[in-house]
Amino acid sequence: MFVTEKGQVTIPKDIRAAAGVLPGSEVAFSLEAGKIVIRKISSGLKADRRTKLRAAAGKVRKSMSPEFRQLGADDIMAFLRGEVPATPATPSKKRGSR
């Protein structure tokens, strides 16, 4: 295995699989007794879960009736809890919308 000009190497697939190093995983390097040691700090699953959750939420929102689509998460949750009527006339400001 060779090191590129940028100092990059490819971790062999069987070693990545055995260590659970996935695309998006974070690793740390250390020098121990003259050996370079690579440790997995985190798997890339957290970001992957968020992506999947956002996609699922998008599908749910698309399946909602037009009057519910314009409501924010707080309005929808309040409606589901029976706290306030969810009507298009009283939507609260959506978080993260511009």
Protein backbone atom coordinates (compact mmCIF):
# COMPACT_ATOMS: atom_id res chain seq x y z
CA MET A 1 0.00 0.00 0.00
CA PHE A 2 1.34 3.43 -0.90
CA VAL A 3 0.82 6.84 0.65
CA THR A 4 -0.18 9.57 -1.82
CA GLU A 5 1.47 12.99 -2.02
CA LYS A 6 -1.36 14.30 0.17
CA GLY A 7 -0.68 11.62 2.80
CA GLN A 8 -3.75 9.60 1.90
CA VAL A 9 -4.12 5.83 2.04
CA THR A 10 -7.04 3.52 1.41
CA ILE A 11 -8.13 1.34 4.31
CA PRO A 12 -8.73 -2.13 2.86
CA LYS A 13 -12.40 -3.10 2.62
CA ASP A 14 -12.13 -6.17 4.87
CA ILE A 15 -10.47 -4.10 7.62
CA ARG A 16 -13.08 -1.31 7.30
CA ALA A 17 -15.86 -3.90 7.54
CA ALA A 18 -14.32 -5.63 10.57
CA ALA A 19 -13.85 -2.29 12.34
CA GLY A 20 -17.30 -0.99 11.38
CA VAL A 21 -15.85 2.01 9.57
CA LEU A 22 -18.57 3.24 7.20
CA PRO A 23 -18.68 6.20 4.81
CA GLY A 24 -19.03 9.25 7.03
CA SER A 25 -17.34 7.59 10.01
CA GLU A 26 -14.95 9.72 12.01
CA VAL A 27 -11.52 8.32 12.82
CA ALA A 28 -8.57 9.50 14.92
CA PHE A 29 -4.88 8.83 14.39
CA SER A 30 -2.25 8.38 17.08
CA LEU A 31 1.35 7.27 17.26
CA GLU A 32 1.88 4.45 19.78
CA ALA A 33 5.26 2.76 20.22
CA GLY A 34 6.30 3.83 16.74
CA LYS A 35 3.09 2.52 15.12
CA ILE A 36 0.35 4.56 13.51
CA VAL A 37 -2.97 3.60 15.11
CA ILE A 38 -6.36 4.47 13.64
CA ARG A 39 -9.39 4.44 15.94
CA LYS A 40 -13.02 4.82 14.96
CA ILE A 41 -14.55 7.70 16.93
CA SER A 42 -18.05 7.57 15.50
CA SER A 43 -19.92 5.80 12.77
CA GLY A 44 -21.59 7.85 10.09
CA LEU A 45 -24.98 6.52 11.20
CA LYS A 46 -26.16 9.67 12.99
CA ALA A 47 -26.08 11.76 9.83
CA ASP A 48 -27.59 8.87 7.86
CA ARG A 49 -30.49 8.57 10.35
CA ARG A 50 -31.17 12.30 10.10
CA THR A 51 -31.27 12.08 6.31
CA LYS A 52 -33.72 9.17 6.47
CA LEU A 53 -35.90 10.95 9.05
CA ARG A 54 -36.02 14.12 6.95
CA ALA A 55 -37.01 12.08 3.88
CA ALA A 56 -39.74 10.29 5.86
CA ALA A 57 -41.03 13.59 7.27
CA GLY A 58 -41.16 15.00 3.74
CA LYS A 59 -43.27 12.06 2.58
CA VAL A 60 -45.65 12.48 5.51
CA ARG A 61 -45.98 16.21 4.88
CA LYS A 62 -46.78 15.57 1.18
CA SER A 63 -49.52 13.13 2.20
CA MET A 64 -51.21 15.74 4.40
CA SER A 65 -54.14 17.82 3.28
CA PRO A 66 -53.21 21.30 1.96
CA GLU A 67 -54.46 23.08 5.09
CA PHE A 68 -52.19 20.97 7.31
CA ARG A 69 -49.14 21.29 5.04
CA GLN A 70 -48.77 24.96 5.86
CA LEU A 71 -48.81 24.35 9.62
CA GLY A 72 -45.61 24.15 11.62
CA ALA A 73 -44.60 21.19 13.77
CA ASP A 74 -45.77 22.90 16.98
CA ASP A 75 -49.24 23.50 15.50
CA ILE A 76 -49.54 19.91 14.32
CA MET A 77 -48.43 18.52 17.69
CA ALA A 78 -50.87 20.81 19.53
CA PHE A 79 -53.66 19.63 17.23
CA LEU A 80 -52.78 15.98 17.84
CA ARG A 81 -52.80 16.58 21.61
CA GLY A 82 -56.17 18.31 21.31
CA GLU A 83 -54.78 21.54 22.78
CA VAL A 84 -55.89 23.96 20.04
CA PRO A 85 -57.77 23.65 16.80
CA ALA A 86 -55.38 23.52 13.85
CA THR A 87 -56.77 25.80 11.20
CA PRO A 88 -55.07 27.57 8.31
CA ALA A 89 -56.07 30.88 9.88
CA THR A 90 -53.84 30.34 12.93
CA PRO A 91 -50.57 28.73 11.84
CA SER A 92 -47.53 29.63 13.91
CA LYS A 93 -44.25 30.58 12.33
CA LYS A 94 -42.45 27.52 10.92
CA ARG A 95 -38.99 26.96 12.33
CA GLY A 96 -36.22 27.04 9.81
CA SER A 97 -38.34 28.53 7.02
CA ARG A 98 -37.10 31.55 5.17
